[in-house]
Structure formats: structure tokens, C-alpha cells
């Protein structure tokens, strides 16, 4: 008799016990619940014992099934880790997730430099506001705006958050924007991810809370759209300088005040602390850090 049970059945057993559900196990494995049930039944026949108690809305592992899973689960994890490591060592691809504003405003003008230096690296870029789960998602690196307080993440700051005010030069001239109090004549362009206008005005203007609340404000779910609205003369936007480099260089936007709101948050290049980083991903990480530190402040 072959001492090795059917491997696909072991994978189904692992998923079914972790989820306490054949349906959820099927979703993870991209098969049908019936296929999971068949694999479990095949393993039960091979072992000669029941591994699950089937109920109407739930499946529960038997004592034998749970004990068996606890013995084989570490071996399954080792197989997955060894396979992933070998596959990663041979791969020259790297996946990077980042906020849409960073992807649109900062990266494109610099990307050719990385491609020139590393022509053998295959880049996979994703622009999203969703947080990455490194243990689940096929992402090597992410640029995240947050406060570095997660012990599971290796995070290197690229830019500290700087809340500076920008608008079109003709918009500033028409409203005679000379000091922070003059913003009560404007329309504030705000973002839901960085809603710092009240804080900026409380720190740099003499306006009271009621005056601040009375200022017209348009809320956007992405900073990229708020910057575009400012370029169209719709109001004043607060953003980090690296997101408006091109607009400042061409004079499309100006900074009417010198005030800068500094917060203990920033844009970080992030990867999981306990997962090995592949050479291609390390090359991209080092390049991002170099580019951020070389940029004018």
C-alpha cells in the first residue's frame, strides 16, 4: 500500500478545517463545494475513519480529523514555503501597489530610470487605495500612507506628510489671497483620506470654528481628483509637494502661503517583515528610496 495519501485531499482538508466550511474552502481553492467534499471523502476512505461531522449548515472536524490535521499542517506549510521560495528566486518580476495619486503624479516621470537600470525586471504596477495583505495577495511591495505602527511591516519613509496649499495663480489673484484668513473667500477642495483643512486653518489662521465651518468645501475620495479640480480653478487644494511637482514647475499651480502642516504620518515603502524579499523587489525598493531622497524638498 502507498504510504502517501492523495495530496489534493490534504489540501482540501487543510482549507476545510481552517474555514470550518466546505463552501469557504471551495472559494479559496477555486473549486466547487462538491469537489471539496469528494476530496475529503476520498481521504476518509484512504484513512479508514471519518474526518468531519456533516451537519445541515456546518461541518465540524472529528477529534481524529483535528488531530490528523494538526500533524500534517506544518508539513503543508513547509511545502508551500519551499515552493514559493524556489519560484521567487527564479522570478525577475516584482509587483508594486500604490495610491492612485502616487501612481499618476510621481512615478511616471521617474519610471524610465528604473527600466534603464534594470531592463531584466518585469514590473507589475497597481494603483489602489485598498490595503494589501501580504500573506494573501500576490504583492511584493506597497506604498502606503499611514503612521508606521505595525510591527509586522518593514516600512521605510519616502515622504513625510506636508499639508501645503495650492491653487491657480489667477484664482489667487482674483480673490486676493495674501494670508491664511483670506481662505474664507475660497472653496476648499478636500479629500476623505486626508481631511486636514480644519486643522490647517486652526493652526495658521485667525478664523474661529464657525467661520471655518462656513467656508464652502467640496469633498473628493481621491487627492488626484482634488488636484485636478484646483488646476481647473475650482478652489484651493491641500496636498504634499511631491504630488504637484509638474504643476509647480509649469506654473499651473502656485503656493500662495508658506504655511505647512506637518503630521506624524507619511508615505512609506512597505513589505512584510517576516517574508523574504526577492532581489527584484529589493532593487525596486532601493530605487524608490533613492528617488524620494534625491527629489527637491
Protein backbone atom coordinates (compact mmCIF):
# COMPACT_ATOMS: atom_id res chain seq x y z
CA UNK A 1 0.00 0.00 0.00
CA UNK A 2 1.22 3.50 -0.84
CA UNK A 3 2.05 5.33 2.41
CA UNK A 4 1.22 8.72 0.88
CA UNK A 5 -2.41 9.89 0.96
CA UNK A 6 -3.81 11.78 -2.06
CA UNK A 7 -2.20 15.21 -1.88
CA UNK A 8 -5.17 17.14 -3.27
CA UNK A 9 -7.27 15.67 -0.47
CA UNK A 10 -4.82 17.00 2.11
CA UNK A 11 -5.12 20.49 0.61
CA UNK A 12 -8.91 20.27 0.81
CA UNK A 13 -8.74 19.02 4.40
CA UNK A 14 -6.49 21.92 5.40
CA UNK A 15 -8.77 24.54 3.85
CA UNK A 16 -11.96 22.95 5.21
CA UNK A 17 -10.68 22.83 8.79
CA UNK A 18 -9.32 26.37 8.68
CA UNK A 19 -12.64 27.72 7.43
CA UNK A 20 -14.95 25.21 9.17
CA UNK A 21 -16.79 25.18 5.87
CA UNK A 22 -16.63 23.25 2.60
CA UNK A 23 -18.06 26.27 0.77
CA UNK A 24 -15.42 28.71 2.02
CA UNK A 25 -12.70 26.12 1.38
CA UNK A 26 -14.03 25.80 -2.17
CA UNK A 27 -13.81 29.59 -2.67
CA UNK A 28 -10.18 29.59 -1.54
CA UNK A 29 -9.27 26.65 -3.81
CA UNK A 30 -11.37 27.91 -6.76
CA UNK A 31 -13.39 24.68 -6.97
CA UNK A 32 -16.97 23.70 -6.10
CA UNK A 33 -18.07 22.66 -2.59
CA UNK A 34 -18.91 19.28 -4.08
CA UNK A 35 -15.33 18.85 -5.26
CA UNK A 36 -14.04 19.61 -1.74
CA UNK A 37 -16.50 17.09 -0.31
CA UNK A 38 -15.31 14.43 -2.76
CA UNK A 39 -11.66 15.02 -1.83
CA UNK A 40 -12.49 14.78 1.89
CA UNK A 41 -14.44 11.56 1.30
CA UNK A 42 -11.54 10.11 -0.68
CA UNK A 43 -9.18 10.87 2.20
CA UNK A 44 -11.61 9.39 4.75
CA UNK A 45 -11.75 6.17 2.70
CA UNK A 46 -7.97 6.08 2.44
CA UNK A 47 -7.54 6.60 6.20
CA UNK A 48 -10.48 4.42 7.16
CA UNK A 49 -12.00 6.99 9.54
CA UNK A 50 -14.41 9.91 9.47
CA UNK A 51 -12.74 13.33 9.49
CA UNK A 52 -15.85 15.53 9.66
CA UNK A 53 -19.29 15.51 11.18
CA UNK A 54 -21.69 16.77 8.50
CA UNK A 55 -24.49 18.97 9.78
CA UNK A 56 -27.19 20.90 7.89
CA UNK A 57 -25.40 24.26 7.84
CA UNK A 58 -21.96 23.38 9.18
CA UNK A 59 -19.20 20.81 9.07
CA UNK A 60 -17.18 20.08 12.19
CA UNK A 61 -13.91 18.12 12.33
CA UNK A 62 -13.94 14.95 14.39
CA UNK A 63 -11.36 14.51 17.13
CA UNK A 64 -9.38 12.22 14.81
CA UNK A 65 -9.67 14.68 11.95
CA UNK A 66 -8.47 17.61 14.03
CA UNK A 67 -5.55 15.64 15.48
CA UNK A 68 -4.54 14.44 11.99
CA UNK A 69 -4.70 18.00 10.60
CA UNK A 70 -2.53 19.33 13.41
CA UNK A 71 0.15 16.80 12.47
CA UNK A 72 0.13 17.44 8.73
CA UNK A 73 -0.47 21.21 8.66
CA UNK A 74 3.16 22.20 9.47
CA UNK A 75 4.35 19.93 6.64
CA UNK A 76 1.90 21.55 4.21
CA UNK A 77 3.16 24.99 5.22
CA UNK A 78 6.77 23.88 4.67
CA UNK A 79 5.91 22.58 1.20
CA UNK A 80 4.20 25.87 0.31
CA UNK A 81 7.06 27.98 1.70
CA UNK A 82 9.75 25.94 -0.08
CA UNK A 83 7.84 26.06 -3.37
CA UNK A 84 7.22 29.80 -3.09
CA UNK A 85 10.87 30.48 -2.26
CA UNK A 86 12.18 28.44 -5.18
CA UNK A 87 9.70 30.03 -7.57
CA UNK A 88 10.53 33.51 -6.29
CA UNK A 89 14.29 33.04 -6.70
CA UNK A 90 13.79 32.28 -10.37
CA UNK A 91 11.41 35.15 -10.96
CA UNK A 92 12.53 38.56 -12.16
CA UNK A 93 9.09 40.09 -11.76
CA UNK A 94 8.03 42.45 -8.97
CA UNK A 95 4.58 43.73 -8.06
CA UNK A 96 4.04 47.16 -6.52
CA UNK A 97 0.78 48.55 -5.17
CA UNK A 98 0.40 52.28 -4.51
CA UNK A 99 -2.19 55.05 -4.07
CA UNK A 100 -3.62 56.40 -7.36
CA UNK A 101 -2.15 59.87 -6.77
CA UNK A 102 1.33 58.47 -6.29
CA UNK A 103 0.95 56.29 -9.38
CA UNK A 104 -0.25 59.16 -11.56
CA UNK A 105 1.72 62.16 -10.29
CA UNK A 106 5.08 60.91 -9.02
CA UNK A 107 6.01 57.62 -10.63
CA UNK A 108 5.62 58.11 -14.41
CA UNK A 109 8.24 60.85 -14.78
CA UNK A 110 10.82 58.69 -12.98
CA UNK A 111 9.97 55.18 -14.16
CA UNK A 112 12.19 55.20 -17.25
CA UNK A 113 15.23 55.48 -15.00
CA UNK A 114 14.40 52.21 -13.23
CA UNK A 115 13.72 50.42 -16.52
CA UNK A 116 17.06 51.62 -17.89
CA UNK A 117 18.93 50.39 -14.83
CA UNK A 118 17.05 47.10 -14.51
CA UNK A 119 15.90 46.06 -18.01
CA UNK A 120 15.53 42.43 -16.90
CA UNK A 121 12.97 43.22 -14.16
CA UNK A 122 9.32 42.80 -15.11
CA UNK A 123 7.18 45.39 -13.31
CA UNK A 124 3.55 44.85 -12.31
CA UNK A 125 2.03 48.12 -11.03
CA UNK A 126 -1.31 48.55 -9.31
CA UNK A 127 -2.99 51.83 -8.31
CA UNK A 128 -5.47 51.32 -5.47
CA UNK A 129 -6.50 52.66 -2.09
CA UNK A 130 -7.07 49.14 -0.75
CA UNK A 131 -4.69 47.88 1.92
CA UNK A 132 -2.50 44.95 0.92
CA UNK A 133 -2.49 41.67 2.84
CA UNK A 134 0.99 40.35 2.08
CA UNK A 135 0.14 36.83 3.30
CA UNK A 136 -2.80 36.61 0.89
CA UNK A 137 -2.20 39.00 -2.01
CA UNK A 138 0.43 38.46 -4.70
CA UNK A 139 2.11 41.80 -3.95
CA UNK A 140 5.81 42.27 -3.17
CA UNK A 141 5.79 45.94 -2.15
CA UNK A 142 3.26 48.62 -1.43
CA UNK A 143 3.45 52.36 -0.96
CA UNK A 144 1.16 53.15 1.94
CA UNK A 145 0.12 56.40 3.53
CA UNK A 146 -0.04 55.72 7.27
CA UNK A 147 1.66 56.10 10.61
CA UNK A 148 4.38 53.46 10.91
CA UNK A 149 2.94 51.49 13.82
CA UNK A 150 2.51 47.93 12.52
CA UNK A 151 5.21 45.59 13.94
CA UNK A 152 4.60 43.08 11.12
CA UNK A 153 5.63 45.53 8.43
CA UNK A 154 9.05 46.72 7.30
CA UNK A 155 8.38 50.36 6.42
CA UNK A 156 10.81 52.99 5.12
CA UNK A 157 9.53 56.56 4.82
CA UNK A 158 9.65 58.10 1.37
CA UNK A 159 7.89 61.37 2.23
CA UNK A 160 6.58 62.80 5.45
CA UNK A 161 3.13 64.30 5.07
CA UNK A 162 3.26 68.04 4.32
CA UNK A 163 -0.06 69.85 4.11
CA UNK A 164 0.58 72.78 1.77
CA UNK A 165 -1.99 74.93 -0.06
CA UNK A 166 -2.09 75.23 -3.86
CA UNK A 167 -4.30 76.97 -6.42
CA UNK A 168 -4.15 78.54 -9.85
CA UNK A 169 -2.31 81.92 -9.97
CA UNK A 170 -5.34 83.66 -11.50
CA UNK A 171 -7.57 82.19 -8.76
CA UNK A 172 -5.23 83.58 -6.08
CA UNK A 173 -5.14 86.96 -7.79
CA UNK A 174 -8.91 87.20 -8.25
CA UNK A 175 -9.54 86.50 -4.55
CA UNK A 176 -6.50 88.46 -3.32
CA UNK A 177 -5.09 85.54 -1.34
CA UNK A 178 -2.40 87.12 0.82
CA UNK A 179 -2.81 85.41 4.20
CA UNK A 180 -4.48 82.34 5.67
CA UNK A 181 -7.61 84.26 6.76
CA UNK A 182 -8.32 85.04 3.10
CA UNK A 183 -9.28 81.39 2.56
CA UNK A 184 -12.76 82.22 3.83
CA UNK A 185 -13.36 83.70 0.36
CA UNK A 186 -12.38 80.45 -1.40
CA UNK A 187 -13.76 76.97 -2.00
CA UNK A 188 -11.78 74.30 -0.17
CA UNK A 189 -11.04 71.12 -2.10
CA UNK A 190 -10.86 68.33 0.46
CA UNK A 191 -10.12 64.58 0.37
CA UNK A 192 -11.75 61.94 2.54
CA UNK A 193 -8.42 60.20 3.14
CA UNK A 194 -6.66 63.38 4.30
CA UNK A 195 -9.35 65.73 5.70
CA UNK A 196 -6.99 68.23 7.29
CA UNK A 197 -8.43 71.62 6.30
CA UNK A 198 -9.93 72.38 9.74
CA UNK A 199 -6.63 71.52 11.39
CA UNK A 200 -4.63 73.66 8.95
CA UNK A 201 -6.94 76.66 9.42
CA UNK A 202 -6.95 76.34 13.21
CA UNK A 203 -3.15 76.36 13.21
CA UNK A 204 -2.41 79.10 10.68
CA UNK A 205 -5.44 81.41 10.54
CA UNK A 206 -7.28 83.64 13.00
CA UNK A 207 -10.67 82.27 11.93
CA UNK A 208 -12.89 80.77 14.62
CA UNK A 209 -14.63 77.41 14.29
CA UNK A 210 -17.89 78.89 12.99
CA UNK A 211 -16.06 80.87 10.30
CA UNK A 212 -14.11 77.77 9.27
CA UNK A 213 -17.29 75.69 9.09
CA UNK A 214 -18.92 78.32 6.86
CA UNK A 215 -16.27 78.06 4.11
CA UNK A 216 -17.63 76.19 1.05
CA UNK A 217 -15.96 72.77 0.67
CA UNK A 218 -16.02 70.06 -1.98
CA UNK A 219 -15.05 66.56 -0.82
CA UNK A 220 -13.27 64.07 -3.10
CA UNK A 221 -12.43 60.45 -2.42
CA UNK A 222 -9.04 60.81 -4.12
CA UNK A 223 -6.42 63.52 -3.90
CA UNK A 224 -5.72 63.17 -7.62
CA UNK A 225 -9.21 64.48 -8.46
CA UNK A 226 -8.91 67.32 -5.94
CA UNK A 227 -5.65 68.45 -7.56
CA UNK A 228 -7.27 68.34 -10.99
CA UNK A 229 -10.14 70.49 -9.69
CA UNK A 230 -7.62 73.05 -8.42
CA UNK A 231 -5.98 73.09 -11.86
CA UNK A 232 -9.38 73.91 -13.34
CA UNK A 233 -9.76 76.89 -10.99
CA UNK A 234 -12.41 75.31 -8.77
CA UNK A 235 -10.74 76.17 -5.46
CA UNK A 236 -7.69 75.61 -3.26
CA UNK A 237 -6.31 72.16 -2.57
CA UNK A 238 -4.10 70.87 0.22
CA UNK A 239 -1.52 68.33 -0.90
CA UNK A 240 2.01 67.11 -0.37
CA UNK A 241 4.53 68.90 -2.61
CA UNK A 242 5.69 65.76 -4.43
CA UNK A 243 2.17 65.32 -5.83
CA UNK A 244 2.22 68.69 -7.62
CA UNK A 245 5.82 68.84 -8.85
CA UNK A 246 4.87 69.21 -12.51
CA UNK A 247 2.15 71.79 -11.85
CA UNK A 248 4.51 73.94 -9.80
CA UNK A 249 7.29 73.66 -12.37
CA UNK A 250 5.00 74.77 -15.20
CA UNK A 251 3.22 77.45 -13.17
CA UNK A 252 -0.22 75.86 -13.47
CA UNK A 253 -0.43 75.91 -9.66
CA UNK A 254 1.23 78.17 -7.11
CA UNK A 255 1.58 78.09 -3.34
CA UNK A 256 0.03 81.37 -2.09
CA UNK A 257 1.16 80.84 1.52
CA UNK A 258 4.28 79.37 3.08
CA UNK A 259 2.45 77.58 5.90
CA UNK A 260 2.99 73.81 6.10
CA UNK A 261 1.01 71.39 8.25
CA UNK A 262 3.29 68.56 9.44
CA UNK A 263 1.77 65.34 10.76
CA UNK A 264 3.29 62.11 12.17
CA UNK A 265 2.19 60.26 9.06
CA UNK A 266 3.78 59.79 5.69
CA UNK A 267 4.20 57.75 2.54
CA UNK A 268 6.19 54.57 3.19
CA UNK A 269 7.54 51.77 1.03
CA UNK A 270 6.33 48.66 2.82
CA UNK A 271 6.75 44.88 2.77
CA UNK A 272 6.11 42.11 5.26
CA UNK A 273 8.83 41.88 7.87
CA UNK A 274 8.77 38.07 8.11
CA UNK A 275 8.52 37.26 4.40
CA UNK A 276 11.75 37.15 2.40
CA UNK A 277 12.03 39.98 -0.14
CA UNK A 278 13.15 38.86 -3.59
CA UNK A 279 16.13 40.50 -5.34
CA UNK A 280 13.93 42.22 -7.94
CA UNK A 281 11.69 43.65 -5.22
CA UNK A 282 14.72 44.78 -3.22
CA UNK A 283 16.09 46.57 -6.30
CA UNK A 284 12.79 48.42 -6.73
CA UNK A 285 12.62 49.29 -3.04
CA UNK A 286 16.15 50.73 -3.04
CA UNK A 287 15.40 52.70 -6.21
CA UNK A 288 12.21 54.21 -4.75
CA UNK A 289 14.07 55.30 -1.62
CA UNK A 290 16.88 56.80 -3.73
CA UNK A 291 14.44 58.72 -5.94
CA UNK A 292 12.50 60.11 -2.99
CA UNK A 293 15.63 61.29 -1.21
CA UNK A 294 17.02 62.87 -4.39
CA UNK A 295 13.88 64.86 -5.07
CA UNK A 296 13.97 68.59 -4.23
CA UNK A 297 12.44 69.46 -0.89
